[in-house]
Protein backbone atom coordinates (compact mmCIF):
# COMPACT_ATOMS: atom_id res chain seq x y z
CA MET A 1 86.47 79.35 71.65
CA ASP A 2 90.28 79.43 72.13
CA ASN A 3 91.97 78.46 75.38
CA SER A 4 92.54 82.03 76.60
CA THR A 5 88.88 82.97 76.02
CA PHE A 6 87.69 79.84 77.82
CA ALA A 7 90.04 80.55 80.73
CA TYR A 8 88.75 84.13 80.90
CA GLN A 9 85.09 83.09 80.94
CA LEU A 10 85.81 80.47 83.57
CA TYR A 11 87.59 83.04 85.70
CA LEU A 12 84.66 85.47 85.50
CA ILE A 13 82.35 82.82 86.93
CA MET A 14 84.88 81.76 89.56
CA TYR A 15 85.61 85.32 90.69
CA LYS A 16 82.00 86.40 91.20
CA GLN A 17 80.68 83.14 92.66
CA VAL A 18 83.64 81.68 94.54
CA ILE A 19 86.73 83.90 94.91
CA ARG A 20 85.08 87.19 95.84
CA PRO A 21 82.68 85.70 98.42
CA ILE A 22 85.58 83.96 100.16
CA LEU A 23 87.79 87.07 100.14
CA PHE A 24 84.93 89.19 101.47
CA TRP A 25 84.75 87.03 104.60
CA PHE A 26 88.02 88.54 105.81
CA ASP A 27 89.33 91.95 106.83
CA PRO A 28 89.71 94.15 103.71
CA GLU A 29 93.22 95.36 104.47
CA LYS A 30 94.51 91.85 105.24
CA VAL A 31 92.91 90.62 102.01
CA HIS A 32 94.67 93.40 100.10
CA TYR A 33 98.12 92.36 101.31
CA PHE A 34 97.32 88.66 100.87
CA THR A 35 96.14 89.21 97.29
CA PHE A 36 99.22 91.29 96.44
CA SER A 37 101.50 88.56 97.82
CA LEU A 38 99.59 85.88 95.93
CA ILE A 39 99.76 87.75 92.62
CA ARG A 40 103.49 88.35 93.12
CA ILE A 41 104.21 84.69 93.91
CA VAL A 42 102.00 83.27 91.16
CA SER A 43 103.46 85.66 88.58
CA LYS A 44 106.91 84.13 89.16
CA ILE A 45 105.69 80.75 87.89
CA PRO A 46 106.87 80.34 84.28
CA GLY A 47 104.09 81.05 81.82
CA ILE A 48 101.65 82.63 84.29
CA SER A 49 102.36 86.23 83.29
CA LEU A 50 101.83 85.27 79.66
CA LEU A 51 98.57 83.55 80.58
CA PHE A 52 97.37 86.68 82.40
CA LYS A 53 98.19 88.76 79.33
CA LEU A 54 96.36 86.34 77.03
CA MET A 55 93.32 86.41 79.33
CA TYR A 56 93.09 90.12 80.07
CA VAL A 57 95.12 92.29 77.69
CA VAL A 58 93.25 93.71 74.72
CA ASP A 59 96.05 94.42 72.26
CA ASP A 60 94.61 96.70 69.61
CA LYS A 61 96.25 99.80 68.11
CA ARG A 62 92.87 101.52 68.01
CA LEU A 63 92.89 101.70 71.79
CA GLU A 64 96.07 103.76 71.87
CA THR A 65 95.30 107.17 73.33
CA GLU A 66 97.61 110.19 73.33
CA VAL A 67 96.97 112.58 76.20
CA PHE A 68 99.18 115.42 77.53
CA GLY A 69 102.00 114.22 75.27
CA LEU A 70 101.97 110.60 76.48
CA LYS A 71 100.87 107.55 74.51
CA PHE A 72 98.72 105.13 76.51
CA LYS A 73 98.28 101.56 75.23
CA ASN A 74 94.65 101.83 76.23
CA PRO A 75 92.63 104.41 78.19
CA VAL A 76 91.93 102.26 81.28
CA GLY A 77 94.22 102.82 84.26
CA LEU A 78 94.53 101.76 87.87
CA ALA A 79 93.76 104.60 90.26
CA ALA A 80 96.10 105.57 93.07
CA GLY A 81 95.60 103.85 96.41
CA MET A 82 95.89 100.26 95.24
CA ASP A 83 99.65 100.09 94.62
CA LYS A 84 100.72 102.71 97.14
CA ASP A 85 104.40 101.75 97.20
CA ALA A 86 104.99 100.81 93.55
CA SER A 87 105.39 97.22 94.68
CA LEU A 88 103.24 95.42 92.09
CA TYR A 89 102.96 97.70 89.06
CA LYS A 90 104.54 95.19 86.64
CA GLU A 91 102.24 92.32 87.63
CA LEU A 92 99.16 94.57 87.63
CA SER A 93 99.98 95.80 84.13
CA ASN A 94 99.68 92.18 82.95
CA LEU A 95 95.97 92.35 83.82
CA GLY A 96 95.32 94.77 80.96
CA PHE A 97 95.77 98.23 82.43
CA GLY A 98 97.01 100.92 80.07
CA PHE A 99 98.72 102.72 82.93
CA ILE A 100 99.29 102.39 86.68
CA GLU A 101 99.13 105.24 89.17
CA ILE A 102 101.16 104.64 92.31
CA GLY A 103 100.83 106.37 95.65
CA THR A 104 99.92 108.49 97.35
CA ILE A 105 103.65 108.83 98.08
CA THR A 106 104.98 111.09 100.85
CA PRO A 107 108.58 112.17 101.52
CA LYS A 108 108.91 110.05 104.65
CA GLY A 109 107.35 106.67 105.29
CA GLN A 110 104.35 106.73 107.61
CA GLU A 111 101.96 104.20 109.11
CA GLY A 112 98.79 106.08 108.26
CA ASN A 113 95.73 106.10 110.46
CA PRO A 114 94.95 103.50 113.16
CA LYS A 115 93.34 100.24 112.06
CA LYS A 116 90.59 99.22 111.30
CA ARG A 117 90.52 101.70 108.43
CA ILE A 118 88.86 100.00 105.45
CA PHE A 119 85.18 99.04 105.40
CA ARG A 120 83.28 97.19 102.68
CA LEU A 121 79.76 98.45 102.08
CA THR A 122 78.64 95.38 100.14
CA GLU A 123 74.98 96.40 99.95
CA ASP A 124 76.11 99.56 98.17
CA SER A 125 79.05 98.10 96.20
CA ALA A 126 81.22 100.68 97.92
CA ILE A 127 84.21 101.05 100.23
CA ILE A 128 84.99 103.55 102.98
CA ASN A 129 88.66 104.04 103.74
CA ARG A 130 90.60 106.28 106.07
CA MET A 131 94.07 104.97 105.32
CA GLY A 132 95.89 108.28 105.74
CA PHE A 133 98.64 108.03 103.10
CA ASN A 134 100.27 104.91 104.56
CA ASN A 135 103.39 104.23 102.51
CA GLY A 136 107.08 103.48 102.84
CA GLY A 137 108.25 106.88 101.66
CA VAL A 138 109.44 108.19 98.34
CA GLN A 139 112.91 106.62 98.33
CA GLU A 140 111.51 103.10 98.71
CA ALA A 141 109.22 103.71 95.75
CA VAL A 142 112.11 105.06 93.67
CA GLU A 143 114.17 101.91 94.24
CA ARG A 144 111.30 99.77 92.94
CA LEU A 145 110.61 102.05 89.98
CA LYS A 146 114.24 101.80 88.87
CA LYS A 147 113.34 98.26 87.73
CA ASN A 148 110.46 99.42 85.53
CA LYS A 149 110.58 98.21 81.94
CA GLY A 150 107.88 99.88 79.91
CA VAL A 151 104.93 100.29 82.30
CA LEU A 152 103.47 103.81 82.03
CA ILE A 153 103.47 105.14 85.60
CA GLY A 154 101.72 108.06 87.26
CA GLY A 155 103.16 109.34 90.53
CA ASN A 156 100.52 110.50 93.01
CA ILE A 157 102.21 112.73 95.61
CA GLY A 158 101.14 114.21 98.94
CA LYS A 159 102.40 115.60 102.21
CA ASN A 160 103.26 113.82 105.43
CA LYS A 161 100.63 113.92 108.15
CA LEU A 162 102.87 115.86 110.54
CA THR A 163 103.84 118.48 107.97
CA PRO A 164 101.84 121.68 108.56
CA ASN A 165 100.01 123.13 105.58
CA GLU A 166 102.27 126.17 105.49
CA ARG A 167 105.18 123.82 104.69
CA ALA A 168 103.24 121.42 102.47
CA VAL A 169 104.86 122.77 99.31
CA ASP A 170 108.23 121.47 100.51
CA ASP A 171 106.86 117.92 100.81
CA TYR A 172 105.40 117.98 97.30
CA LEU A 173 108.69 119.31 95.90
CA ILE A 174 110.68 116.55 97.62
CA CYS A 175 108.46 113.89 96.05
CA PHE A 176 108.47 115.63 92.67
CA ASP A 177 112.26 115.80 92.48
CA ALA A 178 112.77 112.24 93.74
CA LEU A 179 110.24 110.67 91.36
CA TYR A 180 110.93 112.87 88.34
CA ASP A 181 113.14 110.36 86.48
CA TYR A 182 110.88 107.39 87.22
CA VAL A 183 107.28 108.40 86.51
CA ASN A 184 105.59 109.57 83.33
CA TYR A 185 103.22 112.05 84.96
CA PHE A 186 102.52 113.52 88.38
CA VAL A 187 99.30 113.84 90.35
CA VAL A 188 99.02 116.43 93.12
CA ASN A 189 96.74 114.99 95.79
CA VAL A 190 95.18 117.68 97.97
CA SER A 191 91.75 116.05 98.03
CA SER A 192 92.06 113.03 100.31
CA PRO A 193 89.74 113.42 103.32
CA ASN A 194 91.96 111.23 105.50
CA THR A 195 94.89 113.56 106.23
CA PRO A 196 93.99 116.33 108.68
CA ASN A 197 93.46 119.74 107.01
CA LEU A 198 94.73 118.49 103.64
CA ARG A 199 91.61 119.60 101.77
CA GLU A 200 92.25 123.17 102.89
CA LEU A 201 94.96 123.17 100.22
CA GLN A 202 92.17 123.03 97.61
CA GLU A 203 91.29 126.65 98.40
CA LYS A 204 92.18 128.93 95.53
CA GLU A 205 95.24 130.81 96.77
CA PRO A 206 97.15 127.97 98.50
CA LEU A 207 96.37 125.64 95.60
CA LYS A 208 97.57 128.12 93.01
CA LYS A 209 100.77 128.67 94.98
CA LEU A 210 101.40 124.93 95.28
CA LEU A 211 100.79 124.17 91.60
CA GLN A 212 102.76 127.17 90.37
CA THR A 213 105.72 126.20 92.54
CA LEU A 214 105.68 122.69 91.09
CA GLN A 215 105.36 124.06 87.57
CA ASN A 216 108.32 126.37 88.14
CA GLN A 217 110.35 123.39 89.32
CA ASN A 218 109.14 121.43 86.31
CA LEU A 219 110.56 124.10 84.01
CA THR A 220 114.03 123.56 85.45
CA LYS A 221 114.02 119.94 84.27
CA PRO A 222 115.44 118.75 80.91
CA LYS A 223 111.98 117.61 79.84
CA GLN A 224 108.80 118.72 81.58
CA LYS A 225 106.48 116.04 82.99
CA PRO A 226 102.69 116.49 82.95
CA ILE A 227 101.30 117.61 86.30
CA LEU A 228 97.68 116.84 87.12
CA LEU A 229 95.47 117.88 90.02
CA LYS A 230 93.22 115.35 91.74
CA ILE A 231 90.08 116.98 93.11
CA ALA A 232 87.31 116.01 95.51
CA PRO A 233 83.77 115.33 94.31
CA ASP A 234 82.46 117.48 97.17
CA LEU A 235 83.50 120.81 95.63
CA THR A 236 80.80 123.37 94.84
CA ASP A 237 80.25 124.76 91.35
CA SER A 238 82.01 127.94 92.44
CA GLN A 239 85.02 125.97 93.62
CA LEU A 240 85.06 123.98 90.38
CA LEU A 241 85.13 127.23 88.43
CA ASP A 242 88.11 128.25 90.57
CA ILE A 243 89.77 124.94 89.63
CA ILE A 244 89.31 125.74 85.94
CA ASP A 245 90.89 129.17 86.43
CA ILE A 246 93.81 127.70 88.38
CA VAL A 247 94.52 125.04 85.76
CA LYS A 248 94.58 127.71 83.05
CA GLU A 249 96.72 130.11 85.09
CA THR A 250 99.31 127.56 86.20
CA LYS A 251 99.20 125.69 82.88
CA ILE A 252 99.23 122.27 84.52
CA ALA A 253 98.37 119.38 82.21
CA GLY A 254 94.93 118.40 83.50
CA VAL A 255 92.64 117.18 86.25
CA ILE A 256 91.69 113.84 87.80
CA ALA A 257 88.03 113.81 88.79
CA THR A 258 87.37 112.57 91.37
CA ASN A 259 88.77 111.40 94.69
CA THR A 260 86.61 109.76 97.37
CA THR A 261 83.61 111.56 98.89
CA LEU A 262 82.49 112.46 102.39
CA SER A 263 78.86 112.16 101.32
CA ARG A 264 76.80 109.21 102.56
CA LEU A 265 73.65 110.09 100.64
CA GLY A 266 71.53 107.05 99.79
CA LEU A 267 73.79 104.44 101.41
CA GLN A 268 72.19 101.33 102.91
CA SER A 269 75.10 99.61 104.65
CA VAL A 270 75.52 99.64 108.42
CA ASP A 271 79.14 100.80 108.07
CA LYS A 272 78.08 104.02 106.34
CA VAL A 273 78.62 105.75 109.70
CA GLU A 274 82.37 105.13 109.53
CA LYS A 275 84.60 108.16 108.94
CA GLY A 276 86.67 108.39 105.77
CA GLY A 277 86.33 108.70 102.03
CA MET A 278 83.72 106.64 100.21
CA SER A 279 84.35 105.13 96.77
CA GLY A 280 82.34 102.80 94.57
CA LYS A 281 78.99 102.74 92.80
CA PRO A 282 77.33 105.54 94.81
CA LEU A 283 80.05 107.94 93.61
CA ARG A 284 79.43 107.28 89.90
CA SER A 285 76.84 109.97 89.24
CA ARG A 286 78.59 112.79 91.11
CA SER A 287 81.95 111.99 89.58
CA THR A 288 80.43 112.12 86.11
CA GLU A 289 78.71 115.42 86.94
CA VAL A 290 82.04 116.96 87.93
CA ILE A 291 83.71 115.70 84.75
CA ARG A 292 80.93 117.11 82.58
CA PHE A 293 80.96 120.44 84.42
CA LEU A 294 84.73 120.87 84.06
CA SER A 295 84.68 119.84 80.41
CA GLU A 296 81.81 122.09 79.42
CA LYS A 297 82.69 125.16 81.50
CA SER A 298 86.32 125.07 80.38
CA ASN A 299 85.36 124.40 76.76
CA LYS A 300 87.51 121.26 76.92
CA ALA A 301 90.57 123.36 77.69
CA PHE A 302 92.44 120.50 79.41
CA PRO A 303 92.32 116.70 79.62
CA ILE A 304 90.41 114.99 82.42
CA ILE A 305 90.98 111.52 83.85
CA GLY A 306 87.64 110.18 85.03
CA VAL A 307 87.46 108.00 88.13
CA GLY A 308 84.69 107.19 90.58
CA GLY A 309 82.08 104.44 90.57
CA ILE A 310 83.16 102.61 87.42
CA HIS A 311 81.80 99.07 87.88
CA SER A 312 80.91 98.29 84.26
CA ALA A 313 81.95 99.08 80.72
CA GLU A 314 78.90 101.33 80.45
CA ASP A 315 80.07 103.34 83.48
CA ALA A 316 83.42 103.94 81.79
CA ILE A 317 81.79 104.99 78.52
CA GLU A 318 79.62 107.43 80.49
CA LYS A 319 82.77 109.09 81.85
CA LEU A 320 84.35 109.29 78.40
CA GLU A 321 81.21 110.79 76.89
CA ALA A 322 81.07 113.33 79.72
CA GLY A 323 84.49 114.62 78.70
CA ALA A 324 87.13 112.31 80.17
CA SER A 325 90.09 111.37 77.98
CA LEU A 326 91.12 108.43 80.18
CA VAL A 327 89.47 106.50 83.01
CA GLN A 328 90.73 104.79 86.15
CA ILE A 329 89.22 102.07 88.32
CA TYR A 330 89.77 101.08 91.93
CA THR A 331 86.71 99.87 93.85
CA GLY A 332 85.22 98.41 90.67
CA PHE A 333 88.41 96.38 90.29
CA ILE A 334 87.79 94.86 93.73
CA TYR A 335 84.08 94.15 93.26
CA GLU A 336 84.10 93.10 89.60
CA GLY A 337 87.58 91.60 89.25
CA PRO A 338 90.27 92.20 86.60
CA GLY A 339 87.85 91.17 83.85
CA LEU A 340 86.40 94.69 84.11
CA ILE A 341 89.44 96.15 82.33
CA LYS A 342 88.96 93.87 79.35
CA GLU A 343 85.23 94.56 79.24
CA ILE A 344 85.81 98.31 79.12
CA ASN A 345 88.41 98.08 76.37
CA ASN A 346 86.23 95.74 74.31
CA LYS A 347 83.25 98.09 74.70
CA ILE A 348 85.37 101.02 73.48
CA LEU A 349 86.40 98.98 70.42
CA GLU A 350 82.80 97.94 69.82
CA ARG A 351 81.71 101.57 69.73
CA MET A 352 84.36 102.34 67.10
CA GLN A 353 82.74 99.97 64.59
């Protein structure tokens, strides 16, 4: 066993038995900012970034995946919501991610919803959040992204809380134009349950108008960037069929399935009564159902990024077999630690043999 493998195995034990239990004693949002600060500080120590790469990065050409014209080093990405302001994408990429999705970014900075707004449902391996697109605004993100050297970035964009739905298109266009030179693909977020009336934009006509407007703007650029739509897991089959039609009509690049859910079916935790979107293990099955439905009913007409309830390599493989081209993790990253990325990539390689 080489030094990097030993360090990785030791970390797995430490994370599950020591680090995570200690972190879970404290408020989730405070832990998030503390962890980000710690990673940033530690990564400045000479040799630490290299050690992280040796421990977590699976460097194998067979993992390279080309989707909507982009080449991903591996198919495992970080979902939006973790690095909202593009403040840690470089350091996070050292943990083995093939791509990092920042955001959700809005034109103007906003505080988001009142605290407390994140709740761990440890009995269910889940999280409820009602953050409300808290971020520093698109220009702050742009300044950080100007320093990017080789990390494949997705830009998840939304509207400000105070912007009425009839003017939402303007907000998405502002973010699209500002981020265009600094991200590799865009994600249109109309599916967060934590911004008032946002999900109304998922209805067929307003959604088609929004996506077509962005596509028209895309066509004015020197080189078009892939635009994806992130959808809720709570859509009906009829609404999912509408999504397929809209993707085909507007010719956007693909879909991310899924965002957080309003469902609380089967949850055991006391905090299940909290308002907000739920992510984690209980979302796995429904997310996979949506992926499979979209893939089969569209006859694989467009790529899908699968996200929701991935807490193991087997969960990720399930998403890929259901029709996803790439996967993203968020809550699984918190509960299982960064070793999950390596486990997924190794499982994908194992299945190639």
